[in-house]
């Protein structure tokens, strides 16, 4: 993966993601399908200037979608749960909500 922004696509802002952020000191991101845990860890540490304890990833299969008689699938995607070390300040990327 050449750059940070090809590894980390966007933060996932959901109720579950915000709950995990507040209680478990964990951030949730959508990442590239071919990104490894090591690449995700390095990208988060470089981008937000924090220390990462661990990374968990999950590949989400795309759902079937229909428009009238036509059907297709949404693309598969990958999400990463990034746990920060104790005492690290949580980055605020939700200032506009």
PDB file of N, CA and C in Angstrom:
ATOM      1  N   UNK A   1       0.836  -1.177   0.000  1.00  0.00           N
ATOM      2  CA  UNK A   1       0.000   0.000   0.000  1.00  0.00           C
ATOM      3  C   UNK A   1       0.886   1.247   0.000  1.00  0.00           C
ATOM      4  N   UNK A   2       0.759   2.087  -1.007  1.00  0.00           N
ATOM      5  CA  UNK A   2       1.670   3.212  -1.134  1.00  0.00           C
ATOM      6  C   UNK A   2       1.433   4.358  -0.140  1.00  0.00           C
ATOM      7  N   UNK A   3       0.192   4.750   0.149  1.00  0.00           N
ATOM      8  CA  UNK A   3      -0.032   5.910   1.014  1.00  0.00           C
ATOM      9  C   UNK A   3      -0.981   5.558   2.149  1.00  0.00           C
ATOM     10  N   UNK A   4      -1.043   6.445   3.122  1.00  0.00           N
ATOM     11  CA  UNK A   4      -1.928   6.253   4.270  1.00  0.00           C
ATOM     12  C   UNK A   4      -3.391   6.235   3.855  1.00  0.00           C
ATOM     13  N   UNK A   5      -3.724   7.073   2.888  1.00  0.00           N
ATOM     14  CA  UNK A   5      -5.126   7.232   2.511  1.00  0.00           C
ATOM     15  C   UNK A   5      -5.634   6.119   1.608  1.00  0.00           C
ATOM     16  N   UNK A   6      -4.754   5.277   1.089  1.00  0.00           N
ATOM     17  CA  UNK A   6      -5.232   4.096   0.382  1.00  0.00           C
ATOM     18  C   UNK A   6      -5.449   2.948   1.366  1.00  0.00           C
ATOM     19  N   UNK A   7      -4.814   3.012   2.536  1.00  0.00           N
ATOM     20  CA  UNK A   7      -5.032   1.996   3.572  1.00  0.00           C
ATOM     21  C   UNK A   7      -6.303   2.326   4.342  1.00  0.00           C
ATOM     22  N   UNK A   8      -6.395   3.541   4.876  1.00  0.00           N
ATOM     23  CA  UNK A   8      -7.572   3.965   5.644  1.00  0.00           C
ATOM     24  C   UNK A   8      -8.477   4.758   4.719  1.00  0.00           C
ATOM     25  N   UNK A   9      -9.681   4.253   4.503  1.00  0.00           N
ATOM     26  CA  UNK A   9     -10.611   4.938   3.607  1.00  0.00           C
ATOM     27  C   UNK A   9     -11.373   6.032   4.332  1.00  0.00           C
ATOM     28  N   UNK A  10     -12.011   5.678   5.483  1.00  0.00           N
ATOM     29  CA  UNK A  10     -12.808   6.654   6.227  1.00  0.00           C
ATOM     30  C   UNK A  10     -13.109   6.095   7.608  1.00  0.00           C
ATOM     31  N   UNK A  11     -13.388   6.952   8.583  1.00  0.00           N
ATOM     32  CA  UNK A  11     -13.846   6.444   9.877  1.00  0.00           C
ATOM     33  C   UNK A  11     -15.303   6.012   9.775  1.00  0.00           C
ATOM     34  N   UNK A  12     -15.674   4.970  10.495  1.00  0.00           N
ATOM     35  CA  UNK A  12     -17.066   4.524  10.522  1.00  0.00           C
ATOM     36  C   UNK A  12     -17.758   5.171  11.713  1.00  0.00           C
ATOM     37  N   UNK A  13     -18.742   5.986  11.420  1.00  0.00           N
ATOM     38  CA  UNK A  13     -19.453   6.729  12.451  1.00  0.00           C
ATOM     39  C   UNK A  13     -20.826   6.093  12.609  1.00  0.00           C
ATOM     40  N   UNK A  14     -20.912   5.142  13.523  1.00  0.00           N
ATOM     41  CA  UNK A  14     -22.160   4.450  13.818  1.00  0.00           C
ATOM     42  C   UNK A  14     -22.356   4.438  15.325  1.00  0.00           C
ATOM     43  N   UNK A  15     -23.534   4.006  15.777  1.00  0.00           N
ATOM     44  CA  UNK A  15     -23.771   3.919  17.213  1.00  0.00           C
ATOM     45  C   UNK A  15     -22.820   2.928  17.861  1.00  0.00           C
ATOM     46  N   UNK A  16     -22.621   1.781  17.228  1.00  0.00           N
ATOM     47  CA  UNK A  16     -21.708   0.784  17.774  1.00  0.00           C
ATOM     48  C   UNK A  16     -20.275   1.320  17.799  1.00  0.00           C
ATOM     49  N   UNK A  17     -19.863   1.977  16.741  1.00  0.00           N
ATOM     50  CA  UNK A  17     -18.518   2.529  16.676  1.00  0.00           C
ATOM     51  C   UNK A  17     -18.279   3.600  17.728  1.00  0.00           C
ATOM     52  N   UNK A  18     -19.276   4.445  17.980  1.00  0.00           N
ATOM     53  CA  UNK A  18     -19.124   5.487  18.993  1.00  0.00           C
ATOM     54  C   UNK A  18     -19.135   4.882  20.399  1.00  0.00           C
ATOM     55  N   UNK A  19     -19.919   3.833  20.613  1.00  0.00           N
ATOM     56  CA  UNK A  19     -19.929   3.161  21.909  1.00  0.00           C
ATOM     57  C   UNK A  19     -18.594   2.509  22.215  1.00  0.00           C
ATOM     58  N   UNK A  20     -18.007   1.857  21.212  1.00  0.00           N
ATOM     59  CA  UNK A  20     -16.697   1.219  21.375  1.00  0.00           C
ATOM     60  C   UNK A  20     -15.625   2.271  21.602  1.00  0.00           C
ATOM     61  N   UNK A  21     -15.756   3.418  20.932  1.00  0.00           N
ATOM     62  CA  UNK A  21     -14.777   4.497  21.089  1.00  0.00           C
ATOM     63  C   UNK A  21     -14.772   5.021  22.523  1.00  0.00           C
ATOM     64  N   UNK A  22     -15.953   5.183  23.106  1.00  0.00           N
ATOM     65  CA  UNK A  22     -16.049   5.751  24.445  1.00  0.00           C
ATOM     66  C   UNK A  22     -15.687   4.741  25.534  1.00  0.00           C
ATOM     67  N   UNK A  23     -16.088   3.490  25.379  1.00  0.00           N
ATOM     68  CA  UNK A  23     -15.904   2.522  26.464  1.00  0.00           C
ATOM     69  C   UNK A  23     -14.604   1.732  26.380  1.00  0.00           C
ATOM     70  N   UNK A  24     -14.146   1.397  25.171  1.00  0.00           N
ATOM     71  CA  UNK A  24     -13.001   0.497  25.020  1.00  0.00           C
ATOM     72  C   UNK A  24     -11.763   1.166  24.436  1.00  0.00           C
ATOM     73  N   UNK A  25     -11.802   2.498  24.245  1.00  0.00           N
ATOM     74  CA  UNK A  25     -10.644   3.223  23.712  1.00  0.00           C
ATOM     75  C   UNK A  25     -10.245   2.677  22.327  1.00  0.00           C
ATOM     76  N   UNK A  26     -11.257   2.452  21.484  1.00  0.00           N
ATOM     77  CA  UNK A  26     -11.061   1.822  20.184  1.00  0.00           C
ATOM     78  C   UNK A  26     -11.675   2.679  19.081  1.00  0.00           C
ATOM     79  N   UNK A  27     -10.977   2.784  17.956  1.00  0.00           N
ATOM     80  CA  UNK A  27     -11.468   3.499  16.782  1.00  0.00           C
ATOM     81  C   UNK A  27     -11.875   2.490  15.713  1.00  0.00           C
ATOM     82  N   UNK A  28     -12.855   2.847  14.880  1.00  0.00           N
ATOM     83  CA  UNK A  28     -13.330   1.959  13.822  1.00  0.00           C
ATOM     84  C   UNK A  28     -13.177   2.667  12.478  1.00  0.00           C
ATOM     85  N   UNK A  29     -12.549   1.973  11.518  1.00  0.00           N
ATOM     86  CA  UNK A  29     -12.299   2.546  10.192  1.00  0.00           C
ATOM     87  C   UNK A  29     -12.707   1.565   9.106  1.00  0.00           C
ATOM     88  N   UNK A  30     -13.089   2.118   7.952  1.00  0.00           N
ATOM     89  CA  UNK A  30     -13.183   1.312   6.740  1.00  0.00           C
ATOM     90  C   UNK A  30     -11.800   1.351   6.104  1.00  0.00           C
ATOM     91  N   UNK A  31     -11.266   0.169   5.784  1.00  0.00           N
ATOM     92  CA  UNK A  31      -9.916   0.085   5.225  1.00  0.00           C
ATOM     93  C   UNK A  31      -9.964  -0.647   3.893  1.00  0.00           C
ATOM     94  N   UNK A  32      -8.850  -0.625   3.172  1.00  0.00           N
ATOM     95  CA  UNK A  32      -8.752  -1.307   1.886  1.00  0.00           C
ATOM     96  C   UNK A  32      -8.843  -2.819   2.090  1.00  0.00           C
ATOM     97  N   UNK A  33      -9.410  -3.520   1.130  1.00  0.00           N
ATOM     98  CA  UNK A  33      -9.582  -4.971   1.239  1.00  0.00           C
ATOM     99  C   UNK A  33      -8.256  -5.702   1.396  1.00  0.00           C
ATOM    100  N   UNK A  34      -7.208  -5.214   0.765  1.00  0.00           N
ATOM    101  CA  UNK A  34      -5.919  -5.902   0.804  1.00  0.00           C
ATOM    102  C   UNK A  34      -5.003  -5.382   1.911  1.00  0.00           C
ATOM    103  N   UNK A  35      -5.492  -4.475   2.744  1.00  0.00           N
ATOM    104  CA  UNK A  35      -4.670  -3.930   3.820  1.00  0.00           C
ATOM    105  C   UNK A  35      -4.486  -4.969   4.924  1.00  0.00           C
ATOM    106  N   UNK A  36      -3.273  -5.066   5.435  1.00  0.00           N
ATOM    107  CA  UNK A  36      -2.988  -5.989   6.528  1.00  0.00           C
ATOM    108  C   UNK A  36      -3.087  -5.236   7.859  1.00  0.00           C
ATOM    109  N   UNK A  37      -3.074  -6.001   8.958  1.00  0.00           N
ATOM    110  CA  UNK A  37      -3.164  -5.389  10.279  1.00  0.00           C
ATOM    111  C   UNK A  37      -1.962  -4.488  10.553  1.00  0.00           C
ATOM    112  N   UNK A  38      -0.800  -4.897  10.106  1.00  0.00           N
ATOM    113  CA  UNK A  38       0.411  -4.098  10.315  1.00  0.00           C
ATOM    114  C   UNK A  38       0.321  -2.774   9.562  1.00  0.00           C
ATOM    115  N   UNK A  39      -0.174  -2.799   8.330  1.00  0.00           N
ATOM    116  CA  UNK A  39      -0.318  -1.574   7.552  1.00  0.00           C
ATOM    117  C   UNK A  39      -1.333  -0.631   8.189  1.00  0.00           C
ATOM    118  N   UNK A  40      -2.433  -1.193   8.695  1.00  0.00           N
ATOM    119  CA  UNK A  40      -3.452  -0.372   9.352  1.00  0.00           C
ATOM    120  C   UNK A  40      -2.864   0.265  10.607  1.00  0.00           C
ATOM    121  N   UNK A  41      -2.122  -0.503  11.397  1.00  0.00           N
ATOM    122  CA  UNK A  41      -1.501   0.018  12.615  1.00  0.00           C
ATOM    123  C   UNK A  41      -0.552   1.160  12.300  1.00  0.00           C
ATOM    124  N   UNK A  42       0.316   0.981  11.314  1.00  0.00           N
ATOM    125  CA  UNK A  42       1.272   2.025  10.948  1.00  0.00           C
ATOM    126  C   UNK A  42       0.567   3.269  10.423  1.00  0.00           C
ATOM    127  N   UNK A  43      -0.494   3.081   9.649  1.00  0.00           N
ATOM    128  CA  UNK A  43      -1.217   4.218   9.086  1.00  0.00           C
ATOM    129  C   UNK A  43      -1.901   5.031  10.179  1.00  0.00           C
ATOM    130  N   UNK A  44      -2.529   4.377  11.141  1.00  0.00           N
ATOM    131  CA  UNK A  44      -3.208   5.098  12.224  1.00  0.00           C
ATOM    132  C   UNK A  44      -2.193   5.817  13.108  1.00  0.00           C
ATOM    133  N   UNK A  45      -1.083   5.152  13.426  1.00  0.00           N
ATOM    134  CA  UNK A  45      -0.061   5.788  14.254  1.00  0.00           C
ATOM    135  C   UNK A  45       0.530   7.011  13.571  1.00  0.00           C
ATOM    136  N   UNK A  46       0.739   6.953  12.271  1.00  0.00           N
ATOM    137  CA  UNK A  46       1.305   8.074  11.539  1.00  0.00           C
ATOM    138  C   UNK A  46       0.290   9.197  11.356  1.00  0.00           C
ATOM    139  N   UNK A  47      -0.935   8.844  11.021  1.00  0.00           N
ATOM    140  CA  UNK A  47      -1.952   9.836  10.707  1.00  0.00           C
ATOM    141  C   UNK A  47      -2.413  10.605  11.939  1.00  0.00           C
ATOM    142  N   UNK A  48      -2.677   9.892  13.054  1.00  0.00           N
ATOM    143  CA  UNK A  48      -3.231  10.533  14.248  1.00  0.00           C
ATOM    144  C   UNK A  48      -2.196  10.764  15.344  1.00  0.00           C
ATOM    145  N   UNK A  49      -0.959  10.288  15.154  1.00  0.00           N
ATOM    146  CA  UNK A  49       0.130  10.447  16.123  1.00  0.00           C
ATOM    147  C   UNK A  49      -0.252   9.897  17.498  1.00  0.00           C
ATOM    148  N   UNK A  50      -0.697   8.633  17.512  1.00  0.00           N
ATOM    149  CA  UNK A  50      -1.050   7.914  18.736  1.00  0.00           C
ATOM    150  C   UNK A  50      -0.360   6.558  18.708  1.00  0.00           C
ATOM    151  N   UNK A  51      -0.338   5.869  19.843  1.00  0.00           N
ATOM    152  CA  UNK A  51       0.219   4.523  19.933  1.00  0.00           C
ATOM    153  C   UNK A  51      -0.914   3.512  19.896  1.00  0.00           C
ATOM    154  N   UNK A  52      -0.759   2.452  19.107  1.00  0.00           N
ATOM    155  CA  UNK A  52      -1.791   1.437  18.915  1.00  0.00           C
ATOM    156  C   UNK A  52      -1.387   0.161  19.639  1.00  0.00           C
ATOM    157  N   UNK A  53      -2.336  -0.406  20.399  1.00  0.00           N
ATOM    158  CA  UNK A  53      -2.112  -1.673  21.093  1.00  0.00           C
ATOM    159  C   UNK A  53      -2.394  -2.848  20.179  1.00  0.00           C
ATOM    160  N   UNK A  54      -3.541  -2.833  19.502  1.00  0.00           N
ATOM    161  CA  UNK A  54      -3.904  -3.953  18.648  1.00  0.00           C
ATOM    162  C   UNK A  54      -4.885  -3.557  17.565  1.00  0.00           C
ATOM    163  N   UNK A  55      -4.973  -4.412  16.544  1.00  0.00           N
ATOM    164  CA  UNK A  55      -5.878  -4.184  15.420  1.00  0.00           C
ATOM    165  C   UNK A  55      -6.652  -5.474  15.163  1.00  0.00           C
ATOM    166  N   UNK A  56      -7.975  -5.350  15.063  1.00  0.00           N
ATOM    167  CA  UNK A  56      -8.822  -6.471  14.652  1.00  0.00           C
ATOM    168  C   UNK A  56      -9.505  -6.084  13.352  1.00  0.00           C
ATOM    169  N   UNK A  57      -9.566  -7.001  12.405  1.00  0.00           N
ATOM    170  CA  UNK A  57     -10.190  -6.701  11.121  1.00  0.00           C
ATOM    171  C   UNK A  57     -11.326  -7.671  10.851  1.00  0.00           C
ATOM    172  N   UNK A  58     -12.272  -7.216  10.033  1.00  0.00           N
ATOM    173  CA  UNK A  58     -13.393  -8.053   9.621  1.00  0.00           C
ATOM    174  C   UNK A  58     -13.749  -7.696   8.185  1.00  0.00           C
ATOM    175  N   UNK A  59     -13.923  -8.709   7.352  1.00  0.00           N
ATOM    176  CA  UNK A  59     -14.349  -8.501   5.978  1.00  0.00           C
ATOM    177  C   UNK A  59     -15.861  -8.657   5.917  1.00  0.00           C
ATOM    178  N   UNK A  60     -16.542  -7.631   5.399  1.00  0.00           N
ATOM    179  CA  UNK A  60     -17.998  -7.618   5.324  1.00  0.00           C
ATOM    180  C   UNK A  60     -18.396  -7.921   3.885  1.00  0.00           C
ATOM    181  N   UNK A  61     -19.221  -8.939   3.705  1.00  0.00           N
ATOM    182  CA  UNK A  61     -19.674  -9.291   2.358  1.00  0.00           C
ATOM    183  C   UNK A  61     -20.747  -8.325   1.892  1.00  0.00           C
ATOM    184  N   UNK A  62     -20.715  -7.996   0.601  1.00  0.00           N
ATOM    185  CA  UNK A  62     -21.696  -7.088   0.030  1.00  0.00           C
ATOM    186  C   UNK A  62     -23.077  -7.709  -0.027  1.00  0.00           C
ATOM    187  N   UNK A  63     -24.088  -6.884   0.205  1.00  0.00           N
ATOM    188  CA  UNK A  63     -25.474  -7.357   0.192  1.00  0.00           C
ATOM    189  C   UNK A  63     -26.039  -7.329  -1.225  1.00  0.00           C
ATOM    190  N   UNK A  64     -27.036  -8.178  -1.460  1.00  0.00           N
ATOM    191  CA  UNK A  64     -27.734  -8.144  -2.742  1.00  0.00           C
ATOM    192  C   UNK A  64     -28.709  -6.978  -2.741  1.00  0.00           C
ATOM    193  N   UNK A  65     -28.735  -6.216  -3.813  1.00  0.00           N
ATOM    194  CA  UNK A  65     -29.643  -5.081  -3.960  1.00  0.00           C
ATOM    195  C   UNK A  65     -30.411  -5.226  -5.255  1.00  0.00           C
ATOM    196  N   UNK A  66     -31.671  -4.798  -5.216  1.00  0.00           N
ATOM    197  CA  UNK A  66     -32.532  -4.899  -6.387  1.00  0.00           C
ATOM    198  C   UNK A  66     -33.086  -3.534  -6.755  1.00  0.00           C
ATOM    199  N   UNK A  67     -33.202  -3.291  -8.037  1.00  0.00           N
ATOM    200  CA  UNK A  67     -33.893  -2.129  -8.600  1.00  0.00           C
ATOM    201  C   UNK A  67     -34.860  -2.675  -9.633  1.00  0.00           C
ATOM    202  N   UNK A  68     -36.084  -2.905  -9.216  1.00  0.00           N
ATOM    203  CA  UNK A  68     -37.067  -3.503 -10.112  1.00  0.00           C
ATOM    204  C   UNK A  68     -36.689  -4.933 -10.429  1.00  0.00           C
ATOM    205  N   UNK A  69     -36.590  -5.256 -11.716  1.00  0.00           N
ATOM    206  CA  UNK A  69     -36.232  -6.630 -12.091  1.00  0.00           C
ATOM    207  C   UNK A  69     -34.727  -6.858 -12.132  1.00  0.00           C
ATOM    208  N   UNK A  70     -33.941  -5.804 -11.976  1.00  0.00           N
ATOM    209  CA  UNK A  70     -32.481  -5.916 -12.030  1.00  0.00           C
ATOM    210  C   UNK A  70     -31.928  -6.120 -10.621  1.00  0.00           C
ATOM    211  N   UNK A  71     -30.996  -7.046 -10.498  1.00  0.00           N
ATOM    212  CA  UNK A  71     -30.381  -7.269  -9.189  1.00  0.00           C
ATOM    213  C   UNK A  71     -28.867  -7.241  -9.328  1.00  0.00           C
ATOM    214  N   UNK A  72     -28.216  -6.935  -8.235  1.00  0.00           N
ATOM    215  CA  UNK A  72     -26.770  -6.892  -8.215  1.00  0.00           C
ATOM    216  C   UNK A  72     -26.296  -6.949  -6.775  1.00  0.00           C
ATOM    217  N   UNK A  73     -25.002  -6.890  -6.606  1.00  0.00           N
ATOM    218  CA  UNK A  73     -24.414  -6.948  -5.277  1.00  0.00           C
ATOM    219  C   UNK A  73     -23.602  -5.692  -5.003  1.00  0.00           C
ATOM    220  N   UNK A  74     -23.661  -5.250  -3.777  1.00  0.00           N
ATOM    221  CA  UNK A  74     -22.759  -4.187  -3.339  1.00  0.00           C
ATOM    222  C   UNK A  74     -21.380  -4.797  -3.169  1.00  0.00           C
ATOM    223  N   UNK A  75     -20.340  -3.995  -3.259  1.00  0.00           N
ATOM    224  CA  UNK A  75     -18.991  -4.569  -3.143  1.00  0.00           C
ATOM    225  C   UNK A  75     -18.670  -4.990  -1.700  1.00  0.00           C
ATOM    226  N   UNK A  76     -17.791  -5.981  -1.562  1.00  0.00           N
ATOM    227  CA  UNK A  76     -17.284  -6.378  -0.259  1.00  0.00           C
ATOM    228  C   UNK A  76     -16.395  -5.254   0.272  1.00  0.00           C
ATOM    229  N   UNK A  77     -16.303  -5.145   1.604  1.00  0.00           N
ATOM    230  CA  UNK A  77     -15.446  -4.139   2.206  1.00  0.00           C
ATOM    231  C   UNK A  77     -14.893  -4.660   3.519  1.00  0.00           C
ATOM    232  N   UNK A  78     -13.900  -3.970   4.029  1.00  0.00           N
ATOM    233  CA  UNK A  78     -13.198  -4.419   5.235  1.00  0.00           C
ATOM    234  C   UNK A  78     -13.208  -3.312   6.275  1.00  0.00           C
ATOM    235  N   UNK A  79     -13.439  -3.696   7.540  1.00  0.00           N
ATOM    236  CA  UNK A  79     -13.370  -2.717   8.611  1.00  0.00           C
ATOM    237  C   UNK A  79     -12.338  -3.153   9.635  1.00  0.00           C
ATOM    238  N   UNK A  80     -11.793  -2.162  10.328  1.00  0.00           N
ATOM    239  CA  UNK A  80     -10.733  -2.424  11.304  1.00  0.00           C
ATOM    240  C   UNK A  80     -11.083  -1.744  12.617  1.00  0.00           C
ATOM    241  N   UNK A  81     -10.952  -2.508  13.709  1.00  0.00           N
ATOM    242  CA  UNK A  81     -11.096  -1.980  15.061  1.00  0.00           C
ATOM    243  C   UNK A  81      -9.683  -1.761  15.596  1.00  0.00           C
ATOM    244  N   UNK A  82      -9.324  -0.512  15.854  1.00  0.00           N
ATOM    245  CA  UNK A  82      -7.970  -0.161  16.266  1.00  0.00           C
ATOM    246  C   UNK A  82      -8.013   0.271  17.732  1.00  0.00           C
ATOM    247  N   UNK A  83      -7.366  -0.505  18.591  1.00  0.00           N
ATOM    248  CA  UNK A  83      -7.337  -0.194  20.025  1.00  0.00           C
ATOM    249  C   UNK A  83      -6.094   0.629  20.344  1.00  0.00           C
ATOM    250  N   UNK A  84      -6.314   1.743  21.049  1.00  0.00           N
ATOM    251  CA  UNK A  84      -5.221   2.628  21.435  1.00  0.00           C
ATOM    252  C   UNK A  84      -4.699   2.251  22.816  1.00  0.00           C
ATOM    253  N   UNK A  85      -3.449   2.625  23.071  1.00  0.00           N
ATOM    254  CA  UNK A  85      -2.854   2.371  24.383  1.00  0.00           C
ATOM    255  C   UNK A  85      -3.552   3.208  25.440  1.00  0.00           C
ATOM    256  N   UNK A  86      -3.494   2.736  26.693  1.00  0.00           N
ATOM    257  CA  UNK A  86      -4.078   3.474  27.806  1.00  0.00           C
ATOM    258  C   UNK A  86      -3.390   4.822  27.942  1.00  0.00           C
ATOM    259  N   UNK A  87      -4.180   5.853  28.174  1.00  0.00           N
ATOM    260  CA  UNK A  87      -3.628   7.186  28.346  1.00  0.00           C
ATOM    261  C   UNK A  87      -3.496   7.983  27.068  1.00  0.00           C
ATOM    262  N   UNK A  88      -3.690   7.352  25.915  1.00  0.00           N
ATOM    263  CA  UNK A  88      -3.612   8.078  24.640  1.00  0.00           C
ATOM    264  C   UNK A  88      -4.876   8.918  24.458  1.00  0.00           C
ATOM    265  N   UNK A  89      -4.711  10.115  23.913  1.00  0.00           N
ATOM    266  CA  UNK A  89      -5.848  10.991  23.655  1.00  0.00           C
ATOM    267  C   UNK A  89      -6.570  10.523  22.394  1.00  0.00           C
ATOM    268  N   UNK A  90      -7.893  10.436  22.471  1.00  0.00           N
ATOM    269  CA  UNK A  90      -8.692  10.000  21.327  1.00  0.00           C
ATOM    270  C   UNK A  90      -8.753  11.123  20.290  1.00  0.00           C
ATOM    271  N   UNK A  91      -8.446  10.829  19.027  1.00  0.00           N
ATOM    272  CA  UNK A  91      -8.575  11.860  17.987  1.00  0.00           C
ATOM    273  C   UNK A  91     -10.045  12.192  17.760  1.00  0.00           C
ATOM    274  N   UNK A  92     -10.326  13.464  17.580  1.00  0.00           N
ATOM    275  CA  UNK A  92     -11.702  13.912  17.357  1.00  0.00           C
ATOM    276  C   UNK A  92     -11.910  14.183  15.875  1.00  0.00           C
ATOM    277  N   UNK A  93     -12.610  13.284  15.206  1.00  0.00           N
ATOM    278  CA  UNK A  93     -12.941  13.497  13.804  1.00  0.00           C
ATOM    279  C   UNK A  93     -14.436  13.691  13.631  1.00  0.00           C
ATOM    280  N   UNK A  94     -15.151  13.986  14.728  1.00  0.00           N
ATOM    281  CA  UNK A  94     -16.601  14.170  14.684  1.00  0.00           C
ATOM    282  C   UNK A  94     -17.011  15.567  15.092  1.00  0.00           C
ATOM    283  N   UNK A  95     -16.241  16.555  14.770  1.00  0.00           N
ATOM    284  CA  UNK A  95     -16.538  17.912  15.218  1.00  0.00           C
ATOM    285  C   UNK A  95     -17.807  18.488  14.597  1.00  0.00           C
ATOM    286  N   UNK A  96     -18.203  18.021  13.417  1.00  0.00           N
ATOM    287  CA  UNK A  96     -19.338  18.610  12.724  1.00  0.00           C
ATOM    288  C   UNK A  96     -20.673  17.982  13.079  1.00  0.00           C
ATOM    289  N   UNK A  97     -20.689  16.912  13.878  1.00  0.00           N
ATOM    290  CA  UNK A  97     -21.976  16.271  14.222  1.00  0.00           C
ATOM    291  C   UNK A  97     -22.616  16.853  15.445  1.00  0.00           C
TER     292      UNK A  97
END
